[in-house]
Protein backbone atom coordinates (compact mmCIF):
# COMPACT_ATOMS: atom_id res chain seq x y z
CA UNK A 1 0.00 0.00 0.00
CA UNK A 2 1.35 3.40 -0.98
CA UNK A 3 2.27 5.70 1.90
CA UNK A 4 2.36 9.47 1.69
CA UNK A 5 4.34 12.13 3.57
CA UNK A 6 3.88 15.89 3.69
CA UNK A 7 6.51 18.59 3.81
CA UNK A 8 6.41 22.38 3.93
CA UNK A 9 9.18 24.94 3.46
CA UNK A 10 7.99 28.35 4.61
CA UNK A 11 9.70 31.71 4.27
CA UNK A 12 8.99 35.40 4.52
CA UNK A 13 7.65 35.68 0.97
CA UNK A 14 6.88 32.16 -0.26
CA UNK A 15 5.69 28.84 1.12
CA UNK A 16 5.96 25.50 -0.69
CA UNK A 17 4.12 22.29 0.24
CA UNK A 18 4.74 18.84 -1.22
CA UNK A 19 3.44 15.31 -0.90
CA UNK A 20 6.09 12.63 -1.43
CA UNK A 21 6.20 8.85 -1.49
CA UNK A 22 8.71 6.58 0.28
CA UNK A 23 11.32 7.24 -2.43
CA UNK A 24 11.06 11.00 -2.03
CA UNK A 25 9.28 11.51 -5.35
CA UNK A 26 7.01 14.57 -5.43
CA UNK A 27 3.44 13.48 -6.15
CA UNK A 28 1.72 16.80 -5.49
CA UNK A 29 2.82 20.37 -4.85
CA UNK A 30 1.31 23.75 -3.99
CA UNK A 31 2.82 27.18 -3.43
CA UNK A 32 1.60 30.32 -1.73
CA UNK A 33 2.60 33.44 0.17
CA UNK A 34 4.77 33.86 3.24
CA UNK A 35 4.27 31.91 6.46
CA UNK A 36 6.78 33.33 8.94
CA UNK A 37 4.72 33.44 12.16
CA UNK A 38 6.48 36.59 13.35
CA UNK A 39 5.47 38.40 10.17
CA UNK A 40 2.02 36.93 9.57
CA UNK A 41 0.96 35.78 13.10
CA UNK A 42 0.87 32.17 14.23
CA UNK A 43 -2.75 31.78 13.18
CA UNK A 44 -1.95 33.13 9.72
CA UNK A 45 1.05 30.78 9.48
CA UNK A 46 -1.06 27.72 10.32
CA UNK A 47 -3.80 28.74 7.89
CA UNK A 48 -1.35 29.06 4.99
CA UNK A 49 0.29 25.71 5.79
CA UNK A 50 -3.02 23.85 6.09
CA UNK A 51 -4.40 25.35 2.90
CA UNK A 52 -1.30 24.49 0.87
CA UNK A 53 -1.08 20.95 2.22
CA UNK A 54 -4.71 20.34 1.29
CA UNK A 55 -4.02 21.64 -2.23
CA UNK A 56 -0.90 19.46 -2.53
CA UNK A 57 -2.85 16.41 -1.37
CA UNK A 58 -5.54 17.15 -3.95
CA UNK A 59 -2.88 17.47 -6.64
CA UNK A 60 -1.44 14.11 -5.59
CA UNK A 61 -4.87 12.49 -5.42
CA UNK A 62 -4.34 11.61 -1.78
CA UNK A 63 -7.39 10.98 0.38
CA UNK A 64 -7.43 10.59 4.16
CA UNK A 65 -4.40 11.39 6.28
CA UNK A 66 -0.65 11.49 5.73
CA UNK A 67 1.86 9.30 7.54
CA UNK A 68 3.64 12.41 8.78
CA UNK A 69 4.13 16.11 8.14
CA UNK A 70 7.38 18.02 8.46
CA UNK A 71 7.42 21.82 8.60
CA UNK A 72 10.66 23.72 7.93
CA UNK A 73 9.76 27.32 8.64
CA UNK A 74 11.37 30.72 8.79
CA UNK A 75 10.65 31.88 12.35
CA UNK A 76 10.32 28.29 13.53
CA UNK A 77 13.36 28.15 15.79
CA UNK A 78 11.82 28.38 19.27
CA UNK A 79 10.27 25.38 21.03
CA UNK A 80 7.27 27.34 22.23
CA UNK A 81 6.56 28.63 18.75
CA UNK A 82 6.98 25.16 17.29
CA UNK A 83 4.39 23.80 19.72
CA UNK A 84 1.96 26.59 18.84
CA UNK A 85 2.23 25.80 15.15
CA UNK A 86 1.99 22.05 15.73
CA UNK A 87 -1.07 22.31 17.98
CA UNK A 88 -2.66 24.78 15.60
CA UNK A 89 -2.27 22.43 12.65
CA UNK A 90 -3.54 19.44 14.65
CA UNK A 91 -6.68 21.41 15.54
CA UNK A 92 -7.52 22.24 11.93
CA UNK A 93 -10.22 20.42 9.98
CA UNK A 94 -9.68 18.20 8.14
CA UNK A 95 -6.92 16.58 10.22
CA UNK A 96 -4.05 15.94 7.81
CA UNK A 97 -1.80 13.83 10.04
CA UNK A 98 -1.36 12.98 13.71
CA UNK A 99 2.45 13.18 13.31
CA UNK A 100 3.62 16.77 12.92
CA UNK A 101 7.21 17.96 13.26
CA UNK A 102 8.27 21.62 13.22
CA UNK A 103 11.77 23.05 12.77
CA UNK A 104 13.53 26.04 11.26
CA UNK A 105 13.72 26.76 7.53
CA UNK A 106 17.42 25.91 7.26
CA UNK A 107 17.03 22.24 8.16
CA UNK A 108 14.65 21.27 5.33
CA UNK A 109 17.08 22.05 2.49
CA UNK A 110 19.94 20.29 4.33
CA UNK A 111 17.82 17.18 4.87
CA UNK A 112 16.85 17.07 1.18
CA UNK A 113 20.44 17.29 -0.08
CA UNK A 114 22.63 15.55 2.49
CA UNK A 115 22.09 12.21 4.26
CA UNK A 116 24.58 12.91 7.04
CA UNK A 117 24.90 16.67 7.37
CA UNK A 118 26.14 19.72 5.55
CA UNK A 119 25.78 23.47 5.41
CA UNK A 120 23.02 25.59 3.91
CA UNK A 121 23.37 29.27 3.00
CA UNK A 122 20.03 31.00 2.50
CA UNK A 123 19.53 34.35 0.83
CA UNK A 124 15.97 35.18 -0.07
CA UNK A 125 13.85 37.80 1.67
CA UNK A 126 16.16 37.26 4.64
CA UNK A 127 19.44 35.40 5.11
CA UNK A 128 20.76 32.63 7.31
CA UNK A 129 23.49 29.99 7.40
CA UNK A 130 23.30 26.72 9.29
CA UNK A 131 25.60 23.74 9.72
CA UNK A 132 24.47 20.24 10.65
CA UNK A 133 27.28 17.82 11.48
CA UNK A 134 27.05 14.02 11.19
CA UNK A 135 26.54 13.76 14.97
CA UNK A 136 23.48 16.07 14.57
CA UNK A 137 25.21 18.96 16.34
CA UNK A 138 24.20 22.27 14.80
CA UNK A 139 25.83 25.67 14.44
CA UNK A 140 24.36 28.85 13.07
CA UNK A 141 25.41 32.23 11.74
CA UNK A 142 22.73 34.80 10.98
CA UNK A 143 19.00 34.35 10.70
CA UNK A 144 18.19 37.10 13.19
CA UNK A 145 15.78 39.03 11.01
CA UNK A 146 16.01 42.49 9.51
CA UNK A 147 16.36 44.30 12.85
CA UNK A 148 19.48 42.36 13.84
CA UNK A 149 20.84 40.82 10.67
CA UNK A 150 19.73 39.52 7.24
CA UNK A 151 23.04 40.61 5.74
CA UNK A 152 23.32 39.75 2.07
CA UNK A 153 19.60 39.11 1.68
CA UNK A 154 17.08 40.60 -0.73
CA UNK A 155 15.76 42.87 2.00
CA UNK A 156 19.28 43.91 3.03
CA UNK A 157 20.24 44.83 -0.53
CA UNK A 158 16.99 46.74 -1.11
CA UNK A 159 17.11 48.58 2.20
CA UNK A 160 20.73 49.60 1.62
CA UNK A 161 19.80 50.86 -1.84
CA UNK A 162 17.06 53.10 -0.44
CA UNK A 163 19.24 54.33 2.40
CA UNK A 164 22.12 55.05 0.05
CA UNK A 165 19.91 57.31 -2.09
CA UNK A 166 18.79 59.26 0.96
CA UNK A 167 22.25 59.39 2.56
CA UNK A 168 23.82 60.85 -0.58
CA UNK A 169 20.99 63.33 -1.15
CA UNK A 170 21.30 64.45 2.48
CA UNK A 171 25.04 64.94 2.08
CA UNK A 172 25.59 62.39 4.84
CA UNK A 173 27.55 60.21 2.42
CA UNK A 174 29.34 61.01 -0.83
CA UNK A 175 28.98 59.05 -4.05
CA UNK A 176 32.29 57.55 -5.22
CA UNK A 177 34.26 59.80 -7.54
CA UNK A 178 32.96 59.73 -11.09
CA UNK A 179 29.57 58.25 -10.15
CA UNK A 180 26.12 59.51 -9.28
CA UNK A 181 22.94 57.99 -7.90
CA UNK A 182 20.59 58.92 -10.73
CA UNK A 183 20.03 55.36 -11.96
CA UNK A 184 19.56 53.99 -8.45
CA UNK A 185 17.32 56.87 -7.39
CA UNK A 186 15.13 56.50 -10.48
CA UNK A 187 14.63 52.79 -9.81
CA UNK A 188 13.80 53.34 -6.13
CA UNK A 189 11.28 56.08 -6.92
CA UNK A 190 9.73 54.01 -9.72
CA UNK A 191 9.40 50.85 -7.61
CA UNK A 192 7.68 52.60 -4.71
CA UNK A 193 5.76 54.89 -7.06
CA UNK A 194 6.83 58.00 -5.20
CA UNK A 195 7.43 61.54 -6.48
CA UNK A 196 8.66 63.24 -3.32
CA UNK A 197 11.46 61.94 -1.10
CA UNK A 198 9.22 62.08 1.97
CA UNK A 199 6.75 59.67 0.34
CA UNK A 200 9.09 56.78 1.15
CA UNK A 201 8.25 57.07 4.85
CA UNK A 202 4.88 55.32 4.39
CA UNK A 203 6.64 52.21 3.03
CA UNK A 204 9.34 52.19 5.67
CA UNK A 205 7.05 52.73 8.64
CA UNK A 206 3.24 52.77 8.43
CA UNK A 207 2.92 50.42 5.43
CA UNK A 208 6.08 48.46 6.12
CA UNK A 209 6.30 45.09 4.35
CA UNK A 210 9.62 43.31 4.49
CA UNK A 211 8.77 41.10 1.52
CA UNK A 212 7.66 44.09 -0.59
CA UNK A 213 10.89 45.96 0.07
CA UNK A 214 12.91 42.80 -0.63
CA UNK A 215 11.37 42.42 -4.09
CA UNK A 216 13.14 45.60 -5.17
CA UNK A 217 16.30 43.46 -5.20
CA UNK A 218 15.27 41.61 -8.37
CA UNK A 219 14.79 44.91 -10.20
CA UNK A 220 18.16 46.17 -9.01
CA UNK A 221 19.78 42.95 -10.18
CA UNK A 222 18.38 43.45 -13.67
CA UNK A 223 19.55 47.08 -13.65
CA UNK A 224 23.06 46.08 -12.55
CA UNK A 225 23.32 43.53 -15.35
CA UNK A 226 21.96 45.88 -18.01
CA UNK A 227 23.67 49.15 -17.08
CA UNK A 228 26.78 48.03 -15.14
CA UNK A 229 26.10 51.03 -12.92
CA UNK A 230 28.94 50.98 -10.35
CA UNK A 231 26.77 52.01 -7.40
CA UNK A 232 24.16 49.34 -8.05
CA UNK A 233 26.72 46.61 -8.77
CA UNK A 234 28.56 47.50 -5.55
CA UNK A 235 25.42 46.66 -3.59
CA UNK A 236 25.63 43.09 -4.88
CA UNK A 237 29.39 42.84 -4.36
CA UNK A 238 28.83 43.82 -0.74
CA UNK A 239 26.02 41.28 -0.42
CA UNK A 240 28.25 38.52 -1.79
CA UNK A 241 30.94 39.46 0.72
CA UNK A 242 28.48 39.26 3.62
CA UNK A 243 27.20 35.87 2.46
CA UNK A 244 30.76 34.61 2.24
CA UNK A 245 31.36 35.77 5.80
CA UNK A 246 28.39 33.69 6.95
CA UNK A 247 29.95 30.54 5.53
CA UNK A 248 33.46 31.24 6.79
CA UNK A 249 32.13 31.86 10.30
CA UNK A 250 30.97 28.23 10.40
CA UNK A 251 33.92 26.58 8.63
CA UNK A 252 35.92 26.09 11.88
CA UNK A 253 32.93 24.25 13.38
CA UNK A 254 32.61 21.64 10.63
CA UNK A 255 33.20 18.11 11.96
CA UNK A 256 36.23 16.36 10.45
CA UNK A 257 34.00 13.34 9.78
CA UNK A 258 31.89 15.40 7.36
CA UNK A 259 35.02 16.74 5.61
CA UNK A 260 36.38 13.20 5.25
CA UNK A 261 33.07 11.96 3.79
CA UNK A 262 33.26 14.77 1.20
CA UNK A 263 36.89 14.01 0.28
CA UNK A 264 38.28 17.10 1.96
CA UNK A 265 35.58 19.59 1.01
CA UNK A 266 32.65 21.18 2.81
CA UNK A 267 29.23 20.84 1.14
CA UNK A 268 27.30 24.11 1.04
CA UNK A 269 23.77 24.17 -0.34
CA UNK A 270 22.63 27.53 -1.74
CA UNK A 271 18.97 28.41 -1.22
CA UNK A 272 17.03 31.53 -2.14
CA UNK A 273 16.28 33.77 -5.12
CA UNK A 274 19.19 36.15 -4.48
CA UNK A 275 21.57 33.47 -5.78
CA UNK A 276 19.99 33.95 -9.22
CA UNK A 277 22.30 37.00 -9.25
CA UNK A 278 25.42 34.93 -8.58
CA UNK A 279 27.32 36.70 -11.37
CA UNK A 280 26.96 39.90 -9.34
CA UNK A 281 27.63 38.26 -5.96
CA UNK A 282 30.55 36.03 -6.91
CA UNK A 283 33.48 38.45 -6.65
CA UNK A 284 32.36 39.68 -3.23
CA UNK A 285 31.79 36.13 -2.01
CA UNK A 286 35.24 35.06 -3.19
CA UNK A 287 36.82 38.07 -1.49
CA UNK A 288 35.31 36.99 1.83
CA UNK A 289 36.43 33.40 1.34
CA UNK A 290 39.97 34.32 0.24
CA UNK A 291 40.45 36.50 3.31
CA UNK A 292 40.41 33.37 5.46
CA UNK A 293 43.36 31.06 6.10
CA UNK A 294 41.46 27.79 6.37
CA UNK A 295 42.64 25.26 3.74
CA UNK A 296 39.20 23.91 2.85
CA UNK A 297 37.36 23.62 -0.44
CA UNK A 298 33.76 24.76 -0.50
CA UNK A 299 31.67 22.39 -2.62
CA UNK A 300 28.66 24.53 -3.42
CA UNK A 301 25.43 22.99 -4.65
CA UNK A 302 21.94 24.02 -5.67
CA UNK A 303 18.86 21.97 -4.94
CA UNK A 304 17.05 20.08 -7.66
CA UNK A 305 13.98 19.92 -5.48
CA UNK A 306 12.32 22.16 -2.93
CA UNK A 307 13.53 22.13 0.65
CA UNK A 308 9.97 21.05 1.42
CA UNK A 309 11.08 17.55 0.37
CA UNK A 310 13.67 17.74 3.14
CA UNK A 311 10.97 18.90 5.53
CA UNK A 312 8.96 15.79 4.64
CA UNK A 313 12.04 13.62 5.26
CA UNK A 314 12.53 15.24 8.69
CA UNK A 315 8.86 14.71 9.54
CA UNK A 316 9.12 11.03 8.69
CA UNK A 317 12.34 10.62 10.69
CA UNK A 318 10.77 12.32 13.71
CA UNK A 319 7.89 9.82 13.51
CA UNK A 320 10.46 6.99 13.19
CA UNK A 321 9.28 6.11 9.69
CA UNK A 322 11.81 4.84 7.15
CA UNK A 323 12.22 6.28 3.66
CA UNK A 324 14.40 5.21 0.74
CA UNK A 325 15.84 8.46 -0.61
CA UNK A 326 18.33 8.86 -3.47
CA UNK A 327 20.04 12.00 -2.20
CA UNK A 328 22.25 12.43 -5.28
CA UNK A 329 19.27 13.39 -7.43
CA UNK A 330 18.26 16.19 -5.06
CA UNK A 331 21.17 18.57 -5.74
CA UNK A 332 23.71 19.53 -8.42
CA UNK A 333 27.18 21.05 -8.28
CA UNK A 334 27.04 24.82 -8.68
CA UNK A 335 30.52 26.11 -7.89
CA UNK A 336 33.68 25.24 -5.99
CA UNK A 337 36.05 27.63 -4.28
CA UNK A 338 39.07 27.26 -2.01
CA UNK A 339 40.11 29.75 0.67
CA UNK A 340 43.65 30.97 0.14
CA UNK A 341 46.25 29.98 2.68
CA UNK A 342 49.08 32.13 3.91
């Protein structure tokens, strides 16, 4: 008899739900808006998750309940919050599964790509970097939200772009010699549909939406590629540098067992839409990596499936259910880089 498992990867802007079989094949999938409980409330988070799982089950033709559900959520780090989400989902009608597991958004992608641990670097609306060693010990750098971190993320790039326009116009900061902010200013004004510099205040304060501000990043990426504007391209160089710093902060904490299993390299899975601008991030990332003196190769991969598959795997493991996953099909080599040694 076929058995079915649910998985959800939830972020600040997008949420993805899948139904998989015992081999990890996706049978049904549904996507929707953000589900971070700190952005959209815990009730809103649960509602989005339940709705998308129902849609994914319909797409898969699954009736009844699932063997297990795993939720890998941005904002899902705290035990108390995990219990609130779990109990909320268990109280919803129809009941989708009696086995629900909740964890943070970094663990789903790792579980999909690596059978015994690895690192994930996320840069979407926000940013985060997490390491899981073969002994299940975990280490983290970032993931503290836009008030405390999110360096190198879509929000961080967009917010810096807006602030740079205002800083230069105020005379608080000077544009580099031979440059001006006209291209950047025009794009910021166009995106927010503002005509006066004070109009931005509504979007930063009263109508603040982290995901809306973060979406400016995609436009700036296109502008950087088309115009080569030095001010806009510098924003992405700086973002790449910050993302590289996230990884290098965790390199000393990687278990030697994991390095041995990877033939001397550290596996790093890249997650998030900002990496679609890798050509703009790369030089900054390499600068951060080359500034270190750790003789390790970074084996960087991209997922061939959603991290929601990993969430489903984690949910099954938490319920002590066995799956037969071919991990090699879930990711592909993206890039390799080696820190320089002195």
